N, C-alpha and C. Protein backbone atom coordinates (compact mmCIF):
# COMPACT_ATOMS: atom_id res chain seq x y z
N MET A 1 24.54 34.58 30.25
CA MET A 1 23.32 33.80 30.20
C MET A 1 22.99 33.53 28.74
N SER A 2 22.56 32.35 28.42
CA SER A 2 22.18 32.02 27.06
C SER A 2 20.76 31.48 27.06
N HIS A 3 20.13 31.57 25.91
CA HIS A 3 18.77 31.09 25.75
C HIS A 3 18.75 30.14 24.56
N LYS A 4 18.05 29.04 24.71
CA LYS A 4 18.00 28.05 23.66
C LYS A 4 16.55 27.81 23.27
N LEU A 5 16.31 27.63 21.98
CA LEU A 5 15.00 27.26 21.52
C LEU A 5 15.17 26.38 20.29
N THR A 6 14.11 25.75 19.88
CA THR A 6 14.18 24.90 18.70
C THR A 6 13.24 25.47 17.65
N THR A 7 13.76 25.63 16.43
CA THR A 7 12.94 26.15 15.34
C THR A 7 12.03 25.04 14.82
N MET A 8 11.15 25.40 13.91
CA MET A 8 10.25 24.42 13.32
C MET A 8 11.02 23.34 12.58
N SER A 9 12.22 23.65 12.08
CA SER A 9 13.01 22.65 11.37
C SER A 9 13.80 21.79 12.34
N THR A 10 13.57 21.94 13.62
CA THR A 10 14.24 21.22 14.71
C THR A 10 15.71 21.57 14.85
N GLU A 11 16.15 22.64 14.20
CA GLU A 11 17.52 23.10 14.37
C GLU A 11 17.60 23.89 15.67
N SER A 12 18.53 23.54 16.52
CA SER A 12 18.69 24.19 17.81
C SER A 12 19.28 25.59 17.62
N ILE A 13 18.69 26.58 18.30
CA ILE A 13 19.15 27.97 18.24
C ILE A 13 19.63 28.36 19.64
N LEU A 14 20.78 29.00 19.69
CA LEU A 14 21.34 29.46 20.95
C LEU A 14 21.68 30.94 20.81
N VAL A 15 21.20 31.76 21.75
CA VAL A 15 21.54 33.19 21.80
C VAL A 15 22.42 33.37 23.02
N ARG A 16 23.61 33.97 22.81
CA ARG A 16 24.56 34.14 23.91
C ARG A 16 25.50 35.30 23.63
N ARG A 17 26.25 35.68 24.65
CA ARG A 17 27.29 36.70 24.49
C ARG A 17 28.49 36.07 23.80
N ALA A 18 29.18 36.89 23.02
CA ALA A 18 30.40 36.44 22.36
C ALA A 18 31.50 36.24 23.40
N ARG A 19 32.36 35.28 23.15
CA ARG A 19 33.52 35.00 24.00
C ARG A 19 34.78 35.18 23.15
N PRO A 20 35.94 35.36 23.78
CA PRO A 20 37.18 35.54 23.01
C PRO A 20 37.42 34.43 21.99
N GLU A 21 37.06 33.21 22.32
CA GLU A 21 37.28 32.10 21.39
C GLU A 21 36.36 32.14 20.16
N ASP A 22 35.42 33.08 20.12
CA ASP A 22 34.53 33.24 18.96
C ASP A 22 35.13 34.13 17.88
N ALA A 23 36.29 34.71 18.13
CA ALA A 23 36.87 35.71 17.21
C ALA A 23 36.99 35.17 15.79
N ARG A 24 37.47 33.97 15.63
CA ARG A 24 37.66 33.41 14.28
C ARG A 24 36.31 33.24 13.56
N SER A 25 35.33 32.72 14.27
CA SER A 25 34.00 32.55 13.67
C SER A 25 33.36 33.89 13.33
N LEU A 26 33.59 34.90 14.18
CA LEU A 26 33.05 36.23 13.89
C LEU A 26 33.73 36.85 12.67
N ARG A 27 35.02 36.63 12.50
CA ARG A 27 35.70 37.13 11.30
C ARG A 27 35.16 36.45 10.05
N ARG A 28 34.88 35.16 10.14
CA ARG A 28 34.31 34.42 9.01
C ARG A 28 32.93 34.98 8.67
N LEU A 29 32.10 35.18 9.69
CA LEU A 29 30.76 35.73 9.48
C LEU A 29 30.85 37.13 8.88
N ALA A 30 31.75 37.96 9.39
CA ALA A 30 31.92 39.32 8.87
C ALA A 30 32.34 39.28 7.40
N ALA A 31 33.21 38.38 7.04
CA ALA A 31 33.63 38.26 5.64
C ALA A 31 32.45 37.85 4.75
N LEU A 32 31.63 36.93 5.23
CA LEU A 32 30.45 36.51 4.46
C LEU A 32 29.50 37.68 4.23
N ASP A 33 29.39 38.55 5.24
CA ASP A 33 28.44 39.66 5.20
C ASP A 33 29.09 40.95 4.67
N SER A 34 30.36 40.89 4.31
CA SER A 34 31.10 42.05 3.78
C SER A 34 31.06 43.24 4.74
N ARG A 35 31.25 42.96 6.03
CA ARG A 35 31.26 43.98 7.07
C ARG A 35 32.45 43.72 7.99
N PRO A 36 32.84 44.73 8.75
CA PRO A 36 33.91 44.50 9.72
C PRO A 36 33.41 43.66 10.90
N ALA A 37 34.30 42.87 11.46
CA ALA A 37 33.96 42.07 12.64
C ALA A 37 33.81 43.00 13.85
N PRO A 38 32.89 42.70 14.74
CA PRO A 38 32.73 43.53 15.94
C PRO A 38 33.99 43.47 16.80
N ARG A 39 34.33 44.60 17.41
CA ARG A 39 35.53 44.67 18.26
C ARG A 39 35.20 44.59 19.74
N GLY A 40 34.00 44.98 20.10
CA GLY A 40 33.61 44.97 21.51
C GLY A 40 32.67 43.81 21.80
N GLU A 41 31.83 44.03 22.80
CA GLU A 41 30.87 43.00 23.18
C GLU A 41 29.82 42.81 22.09
N ALA A 42 29.36 41.57 21.96
CA ALA A 42 28.34 41.26 20.96
C ALA A 42 27.49 40.11 21.45
N LEU A 43 26.27 40.07 20.95
CA LEU A 43 25.40 38.92 21.15
C LEU A 43 25.47 38.07 19.89
N LEU A 44 25.40 36.76 20.07
CA LEU A 44 25.50 35.84 18.93
C LEU A 44 24.25 34.97 18.87
N ALA A 45 23.93 34.57 17.65
CA ALA A 45 22.91 33.55 17.43
C ALA A 45 23.60 32.38 16.75
N GLU A 46 23.52 31.22 17.37
CA GLU A 46 24.07 30.00 16.79
C GLU A 46 22.92 29.14 16.32
N ALA A 47 23.09 28.55 15.15
CA ALA A 47 22.13 27.59 14.62
C ALA A 47 22.91 26.32 14.30
N GLY A 48 22.53 25.24 14.92
CA GLY A 48 23.23 23.99 14.70
C GLY A 48 24.69 24.05 15.10
N GLY A 49 25.01 24.87 16.10
CA GLY A 49 26.38 24.98 16.58
C GLY A 49 27.26 25.94 15.81
N GLU A 50 26.70 26.63 14.82
CA GLU A 50 27.47 27.57 14.00
C GLU A 50 26.93 28.99 14.20
N ILE A 51 27.82 29.96 14.37
CA ILE A 51 27.41 31.36 14.52
C ILE A 51 26.89 31.86 13.17
N VAL A 52 25.61 32.28 13.15
CA VAL A 52 25.00 32.73 11.90
C VAL A 52 24.56 34.19 11.94
N ALA A 53 24.59 34.80 13.14
CA ALA A 53 24.24 36.22 13.25
C ALA A 53 24.92 36.78 14.51
N ALA A 54 25.27 38.06 14.43
CA ALA A 54 25.91 38.73 15.56
C ALA A 54 25.42 40.17 15.63
N LEU A 55 25.19 40.63 16.84
CA LEU A 55 24.75 42.00 17.08
C LEU A 55 25.73 42.65 18.04
N PRO A 56 26.56 43.58 17.54
CA PRO A 56 27.46 44.29 18.44
C PRO A 56 26.65 45.12 19.43
N LEU A 57 27.05 45.10 20.68
CA LEU A 57 26.32 45.85 21.70
C LEU A 57 26.70 47.31 21.73
N ASP A 58 27.69 47.71 20.92
CA ASP A 58 28.08 49.12 20.83
C ASP A 58 27.38 49.84 19.68
N ARG A 59 26.31 49.26 19.20
CA ARG A 59 25.49 49.83 18.12
C ARG A 59 26.13 49.71 16.74
N GLY A 60 27.08 48.84 16.57
CA GLY A 60 27.67 48.59 15.27
C GLY A 60 26.70 47.84 14.38
N PRO A 61 27.08 47.58 13.13
CA PRO A 61 26.17 46.90 12.20
C PRO A 61 25.97 45.43 12.57
N VAL A 62 24.76 44.95 12.35
CA VAL A 62 24.43 43.55 12.56
C VAL A 62 25.14 42.73 11.50
N LEU A 63 25.63 41.57 11.88
CA LEU A 63 26.22 40.62 10.93
C LEU A 63 25.28 39.44 10.80
N ALA A 64 25.12 38.95 9.58
CA ALA A 64 24.26 37.79 9.37
C ALA A 64 24.75 37.01 8.16
N ASP A 65 24.68 35.70 8.26
CA ASP A 65 25.07 34.84 7.15
C ASP A 65 24.08 35.06 6.00
N PRO A 66 24.55 35.57 4.85
CA PRO A 66 23.64 35.86 3.74
C PRO A 66 23.11 34.60 3.05
N PHE A 67 23.63 33.44 3.40
CA PHE A 67 23.21 32.20 2.75
C PHE A 67 22.23 31.39 3.60
N ARG A 68 21.79 31.99 4.72
CA ARG A 68 20.84 31.32 5.60
C ARG A 68 19.74 32.29 5.97
N PRO A 69 18.55 31.80 6.27
CA PRO A 69 17.47 32.69 6.72
C PRO A 69 17.75 33.13 8.17
N THR A 70 18.06 34.41 8.35
CA THR A 70 18.47 34.89 9.67
C THR A 70 17.63 36.05 10.19
N ALA A 71 16.64 36.49 9.47
CA ALA A 71 15.86 37.66 9.90
C ALA A 71 15.27 37.46 11.29
N ASP A 72 14.69 36.29 11.56
CA ASP A 72 14.11 36.03 12.88
C ASP A 72 15.20 35.99 13.96
N LEU A 73 16.36 35.47 13.60
CA LEU A 73 17.46 35.41 14.57
C LEU A 73 17.97 36.81 14.91
N VAL A 74 18.07 37.66 13.91
CA VAL A 74 18.49 39.04 14.15
C VAL A 74 17.48 39.73 15.05
N GLU A 75 16.20 39.51 14.81
CA GLU A 75 15.17 40.09 15.67
C GLU A 75 15.30 39.59 17.10
N MET A 76 15.59 38.31 17.28
CA MET A 76 15.81 37.76 18.62
C MET A 76 16.99 38.46 19.30
N LEU A 77 18.07 38.67 18.56
CA LEU A 77 19.24 39.36 19.12
C LEU A 77 18.89 40.78 19.53
N GLN A 78 18.12 41.47 18.71
CA GLN A 78 17.74 42.85 19.03
C GLN A 78 16.85 42.91 20.27
N ILE A 79 15.94 41.96 20.40
CA ILE A 79 15.08 41.90 21.60
C ILE A 79 15.93 41.65 22.83
N ARG A 80 16.84 40.71 22.74
CA ARG A 80 17.71 40.39 23.87
C ARG A 80 18.58 41.58 24.24
N ALA A 81 19.10 42.29 23.25
CA ALA A 81 19.94 43.46 23.52
C ALA A 81 19.15 44.54 24.24
N ARG A 82 17.89 44.76 23.83
CA ARG A 82 17.04 45.75 24.51
C ARG A 82 16.80 45.35 25.97
N ARG A 83 16.60 44.06 26.21
CA ARG A 83 16.39 43.60 27.58
C ARG A 83 17.65 43.78 28.42
N LEU A 84 18.80 43.54 27.84
CA LEU A 84 20.05 43.72 28.57
C LEU A 84 20.30 45.20 28.91
N ALA A 85 19.86 46.08 28.00
CA ALA A 85 20.08 47.52 28.20
C ALA A 85 19.12 48.10 29.25
N ALA A 86 18.00 47.44 29.44
CA ALA A 86 16.98 47.95 30.39
C ALA A 86 17.39 47.76 31.83
């Protein structure tokens, strides 16, 4: 299940589970954030069709594009993860 909303800048945001075809984008994001890419399940935040934040569901470190404002997106991922765990 994915959730979509529009930010004040009209950039479309999508929160969804990672899929196998996201591996390359997750490696790119991990390199930007100087962290390892998640190996298991993860939730992703896409902005404008690009993955800009990822939250591993195994409690690994959050990944976020350091060149974009992602704090609100990370919070959205954490809220969604808590709802999935409940």
